[in-house]
């Protein structure tokens, strides 16, 4: 996603970049070994490139979940 500052709506003193690019990527895997049991894992990356004095950021993360649902379906 590429977005530029809305110059009409923001003040020049705000630390917002004029040219900004945001990239997100994620992948998720789900495994159901038994009825009612679910194992899932996901990884993600978020990256912001900006021309501000603060620059941008890059964030990486991972999630692992185990869920069991008891009862009838």
C-alpha atoms as a PDB file:
ATOM      1  CA  UNK A   1       0.000   0.000   0.000  1.00  0.00           C
ATOM      2  CA  UNK A   2       1.474   3.339  -0.994  1.00  0.00           C
ATOM      3  CA  UNK A   3       0.126   6.423   0.673  1.00  0.00           C
ATOM      4  CA  UNK A   4       1.256  10.032   0.717  1.00  0.00           C
ATOM      5  CA  UNK A   5       0.502  12.666   3.279  1.00  0.00           C
ATOM      6  CA  UNK A   6      -2.729  14.588   2.876  1.00  0.00           C
ATOM      7  CA  UNK A   7      -1.117  18.019   2.767  1.00  0.00           C
ATOM      8  CA  UNK A   8      -4.456  19.824   3.028  1.00  0.00           C
ATOM      9  CA  UNK A   9      -5.396  17.983   6.232  1.00  0.00           C
ATOM     10  CA  UNK A  10      -2.089  17.927   8.131  1.00  0.00           C
ATOM     11  CA  UNK A  11       0.284  20.529   9.468  1.00  0.00           C
ATOM     12  CA  UNK A  12       3.830  20.782   8.111  1.00  0.00           C
ATOM     13  CA  UNK A  13       5.180  20.423  11.681  1.00  0.00           C
ATOM     14  CA  UNK A  14       3.714  16.929  12.106  1.00  0.00           C
ATOM     15  CA  UNK A  15       6.286  14.147  11.708  1.00  0.00           C
ATOM     16  CA  UNK A  16       4.429  12.546   8.809  1.00  0.00           C
ATOM     17  CA  UNK A  17       6.343  11.533   5.728  1.00  0.00           C
ATOM     18  CA  UNK A  18       5.454  12.848   2.330  1.00  0.00           C
ATOM     19  CA  UNK A  19       6.122   9.532   0.593  1.00  0.00           C
ATOM     20  CA  UNK A  20       5.187   6.383   2.537  1.00  0.00           C
ATOM     21  CA  UNK A  21       4.963   2.712   1.583  1.00  0.00           C
ATOM     22  CA  UNK A  22       3.468   0.018   3.817  1.00  0.00           C
ATOM     23  CA  UNK A  23       3.954  -3.683   3.068  1.00  0.00           C
ATOM     24  CA  UNK A  24       2.348  -6.575   4.960  1.00  0.00           C
ATOM     25  CA  UNK A  25       2.842 -10.294   4.403  1.00  0.00           C
ATOM     26  CA  UNK A  26       1.485 -13.249   6.373  1.00  0.00           C
ATOM     27  CA  UNK A  27       1.117 -16.988   6.057  1.00  0.00           C
ATOM     28  CA  UNK A  28      -1.027 -19.278   8.211  1.00  0.00           C
ATOM     29  CA  UNK A  29      -1.126 -23.065   8.375  1.00  0.00           C
ATOM     30  CA  UNK A  30      -3.988 -24.999   9.996  1.00  0.00           C
ATOM     31  CA  UNK A  31      -3.901 -28.702  10.892  1.00  0.00           C
ATOM     32  CA  UNK A  32      -6.889 -30.696  12.197  1.00  0.00           C
ATOM     33  CA  UNK A  33      -5.597 -34.089  13.406  1.00  0.00           C
ATOM     34  CA  UNK A  34      -8.899 -35.044  15.134  1.00  0.00           C
ATOM     35  CA  UNK A  35     -12.445 -33.771  15.177  1.00  0.00           C
ATOM     36  CA  UNK A  36     -12.531 -30.759  17.479  1.00  0.00           C
ATOM     37  CA  UNK A  37      -8.736 -30.350  17.722  1.00  0.00           C
ATOM     38  CA  UNK A  38      -7.023 -27.639  15.715  1.00  0.00           C
ATOM     39  CA  UNK A  39      -3.373 -26.614  15.600  1.00  0.00           C
ATOM     40  CA  UNK A  40      -2.470 -23.419  13.749  1.00  0.00           C
ATOM     41  CA  UNK A  41       0.749 -21.515  13.179  1.00  0.00           C
ATOM     42  CA  UNK A  42       1.316 -18.193  11.457  1.00  0.00           C
ATOM     43  CA  UNK A  43       4.180 -15.816  10.705  1.00  0.00           C
ATOM     44  CA  UNK A  44       3.989 -12.217   9.543  1.00  0.00           C
ATOM     45  CA  UNK A  45       6.095  -9.259   8.454  1.00  0.00           C
ATOM     46  CA  UNK A  46       5.078  -5.589   8.471  1.00  0.00           C
ATOM     47  CA  UNK A  47       7.355  -2.988   6.880  1.00  0.00           C
ATOM     48  CA  UNK A  48       6.924   0.785   6.635  1.00  0.00           C
ATOM     49  CA  UNK A  49       9.247   2.838   4.473  1.00  0.00           C
ATOM     50  CA  UNK A  50       8.976   6.584   5.014  1.00  0.00           C
ATOM     51  CA  UNK A  51      10.999   9.688   4.245  1.00  0.00           C
ATOM     52  CA  UNK A  52      10.547  11.151   7.735  1.00  0.00           C
ATOM     53  CA  UNK A  53      13.435  11.841  10.095  1.00  0.00           C
ATOM     54  CA  UNK A  54      12.295   8.842  12.142  1.00  0.00           C
ATOM     55  CA  UNK A  55      12.428   6.562   9.101  1.00  0.00           C
ATOM     56  CA  UNK A  56      10.168   3.536   9.054  1.00  0.00           C
ATOM     57  CA  UNK A  57       9.946   0.239  10.854  1.00  0.00           C
ATOM     58  CA  UNK A  58       9.997  -3.477  10.260  1.00  0.00           C
ATOM     59  CA  UNK A  59       8.120  -5.904  12.510  1.00  0.00           C
ATOM     60  CA  UNK A  60       8.192  -9.696  12.421  1.00  0.00           C
ATOM     61  CA  UNK A  61       6.133 -12.077  14.495  1.00  0.00           C
ATOM     62  CA  UNK A  62       4.864 -15.602  14.905  1.00  0.00           C
ATOM     63  CA  UNK A  63       1.824 -17.221  16.547  1.00  0.00           C
ATOM     64  CA  UNK A  64       1.153 -20.829  17.509  1.00  0.00           C
ATOM     65  CA  UNK A  65      -2.322 -21.836  18.694  1.00  0.00           C
ATOM     66  CA  UNK A  66      -3.862 -25.074  19.931  1.00  0.00           C
ATOM     67  CA  UNK A  67      -7.640 -25.198  20.227  1.00  0.00           C
ATOM     68  CA  UNK A  68      -9.955 -27.986  21.316  1.00  0.00           C
ATOM     69  CA  UNK A  69     -13.714 -27.688  20.898  1.00  0.00           C
ATOM     70  CA  UNK A  70     -15.743 -30.034  23.090  1.00  0.00           C
ATOM     71  CA  UNK A  71     -19.254 -31.028  22.132  1.00  0.00           C
ATOM     72  CA  UNK A  72     -21.355 -32.007  19.162  1.00  0.00           C
ATOM     73  CA  UNK A  73     -21.104 -30.426  15.764  1.00  0.00           C
END
